[in-house]
């Protein structure tokens, strides 16, 4: 083995290690963002519960306020799904639909969300 072959092996190894470190750092950032979004989601669920409780106990209609909170919840949940797909965090259940990106059970022949046939 000559020096050029050794240099190539070392360069390739360093590039591969650098890529892996970058992937780990990116996944860590995404997981941190997911944790922050989950915290925001928990706060919104609490706020929605309080609004609903207040509406029932006082008889005051909080429908508009509740709808606004629900819209925020849906937006955060959507953002979380995108991040989960990006980092590859899926429930134990199994597969990911190539059409809509949602996690589906391993045994699914079709996506229960969009209806796409799942390749085995």
Protein backbone atom coordinates (compact mmCIF):
# COMPACT_ATOMS: atom_id res chain seq x y z
CA UNK A 1 0.00 0.00 0.00
CA UNK A 2 1.52 3.31 -1.02
CA UNK A 3 1.16 6.69 0.70
CA UNK A 4 -1.57 7.87 -1.70
CA UNK A 5 -3.77 4.89 -0.84
CA UNK A 6 -3.25 5.56 2.87
CA UNK A 7 -4.12 9.26 2.37
CA UNK A 8 -7.29 8.30 0.51
CA UNK A 9 -8.36 5.87 3.25
CA UNK A 10 -7.70 8.47 5.96
CA UNK A 11 -9.53 11.19 3.98
CA UNK A 12 -12.53 8.92 3.30
CA UNK A 13 -12.68 7.86 6.94
CA UNK A 14 -12.52 11.45 8.16
CA UNK A 15 -15.25 12.50 5.71
CA UNK A 16 -17.46 9.63 6.82
CA UNK A 17 -16.92 10.45 10.50
CA UNK A 18 -17.64 14.12 9.86
CA UNK A 19 -20.87 13.26 8.07
CA UNK A 20 -21.97 11.00 10.94
CA UNK A 21 -21.21 13.71 13.52
CA UNK A 22 -23.27 16.15 11.46
CA UNK A 23 -26.18 13.71 11.31
CA UNK A 24 -26.08 13.16 15.08
CA UNK A 25 -25.96 16.92 15.72
CA UNK A 26 -28.90 17.47 13.38
CA UNK A 27 -30.95 14.72 15.05
CA UNK A 28 -30.16 16.22 18.45
CA UNK A 29 -31.36 19.65 17.30
CA UNK A 30 -34.56 18.14 15.94
CA UNK A 31 -35.20 16.18 19.13
CA UNK A 32 -34.67 19.36 21.15
CA UNK A 33 -37.14 21.20 18.89
CA UNK A 34 -39.62 18.34 19.36
CA UNK A 35 -39.29 18.60 23.13
CA UNK A 36 -39.97 22.33 22.97
CA UNK A 37 -42.99 21.81 20.76
CA UNK A 38 -44.29 19.12 23.13
CA UNK A 39 -43.99 21.58 26.01
CA UNK A 40 -45.93 24.19 24.00
CA UNK A 41 -48.52 21.55 23.16
CA UNK A 42 -48.95 20.60 26.82
CA UNK A 43 -49.51 24.26 27.72
CA UNK A 44 -52.12 24.62 24.98
CA UNK A 45 -53.96 21.49 26.12
CA UNK A 46 -54.02 22.92 29.63
CA UNK A 47 -55.30 26.25 28.34
CA UNK A 48 -57.99 24.50 26.27
CA UNK A 49 -59.09 22.50 29.29
CA UNK A 50 -59.35 25.65 31.41
CA UNK A 51 -61.34 27.46 28.71
CA UNK A 52 -63.70 24.53 28.41
CA UNK A 53 -64.09 24.20 32.18
CA UNK A 54 -64.78 27.94 32.49
CA UNK A 55 -67.35 27.76 29.70
CA UNK A 56 -69.20 24.90 31.35
CA UNK A 57 -69.01 26.25 34.91
CA UNK A 58 -70.00 29.83 34.05
CA UNK A 59 -72.21 29.21 31.04
CA UNK A 60 -70.12 31.64 28.99
CA UNK A 61 -69.43 30.52 25.43
CA UNK A 62 -65.67 30.37 24.83
CA UNK A 63 -66.06 28.75 21.41
CA UNK A 64 -63.99 31.32 19.55
CA UNK A 65 -61.15 31.18 22.07
CA UNK A 66 -61.27 27.38 22.13
CA UNK A 67 -61.19 27.25 18.32
CA UNK A 68 -58.11 29.48 18.27
CA UNK A 69 -56.32 27.20 20.73
CA UNK A 70 -57.33 24.10 18.75
CA UNK A 71 -55.92 25.69 15.58
CA UNK A 72 -52.60 26.28 17.38
CA UNK A 73 -52.61 22.69 18.68
CA UNK A 74 -53.21 21.32 15.18
CA UNK A 75 -50.40 23.47 13.79
CA UNK A 76 -47.92 22.28 16.43
CA UNK A 77 -48.93 18.64 15.92
CA UNK A 78 -48.35 19.05 12.19
CA UNK A 79 -44.94 20.62 12.78
CA UNK A 80 -44.05 17.75 15.10
CA UNK A 81 -44.99 15.14 12.49
CA UNK A 82 -42.68 16.81 9.98
CA UNK A 83 -39.81 16.85 12.47
CA UNK A 84 -40.45 13.24 13.48
CA UNK A 85 -40.32 12.17 9.85
CA UNK A 86 -37.11 14.12 9.37
CA UNK A 87 -35.34 12.54 12.33
CA UNK A 88 -36.81 9.11 11.85
CA UNK A 89 -38.63 8.95 15.18
CA UNK A 90 -41.62 6.69 14.68
CA UNK A 91 -43.70 4.65 17.06
CA UNK A 92 -42.71 1.03 17.55
CA UNK A 93 -45.61 0.01 15.35
CA UNK A 94 -43.75 0.09 12.19
CA UNK A 95 -43.85 1.61 8.76
CA UNK A 96 -44.06 5.06 7.25
CA UNK A 97 -46.36 5.85 4.35
CA UNK A 98 -44.34 7.10 1.39
CA UNK A 99 -47.27 9.25 0.29
CA UNK A 100 -48.30 11.15 3.43
CA UNK A 101 -45.35 10.40 5.75
CA UNK A 102 -47.47 9.20 8.64
CA UNK A 103 -46.52 6.26 10.83
CA UNK A 104 -48.68 3.20 10.21
CA UNK A 105 -48.85 -0.34 11.62
CA UNK A 106 -46.43 -2.91 10.16
CA UNK A 107 -49.26 -5.12 8.97
CA UNK A 108 -50.93 -2.37 6.92
CA UNK A 109 -51.44 -3.08 3.25
CA UNK A 110 -52.89 0.42 2.77
CA UNK A 111 -52.29 3.68 4.60
CA UNK A 112 -55.25 4.37 6.92
CA UNK A 113 -54.72 8.13 6.42
CA UNK A 114 -54.39 8.61 2.65
CA UNK A 115 -55.25 5.17 1.25
CA UNK A 116 -51.96 4.59 -0.59
CA UNK A 117 -51.06 0.95 -1.13
CA UNK A 118 -48.03 0.06 0.98
CA UNK A 119 -45.17 -1.83 -0.62
CA UNK A 120 -44.21 -4.96 1.30
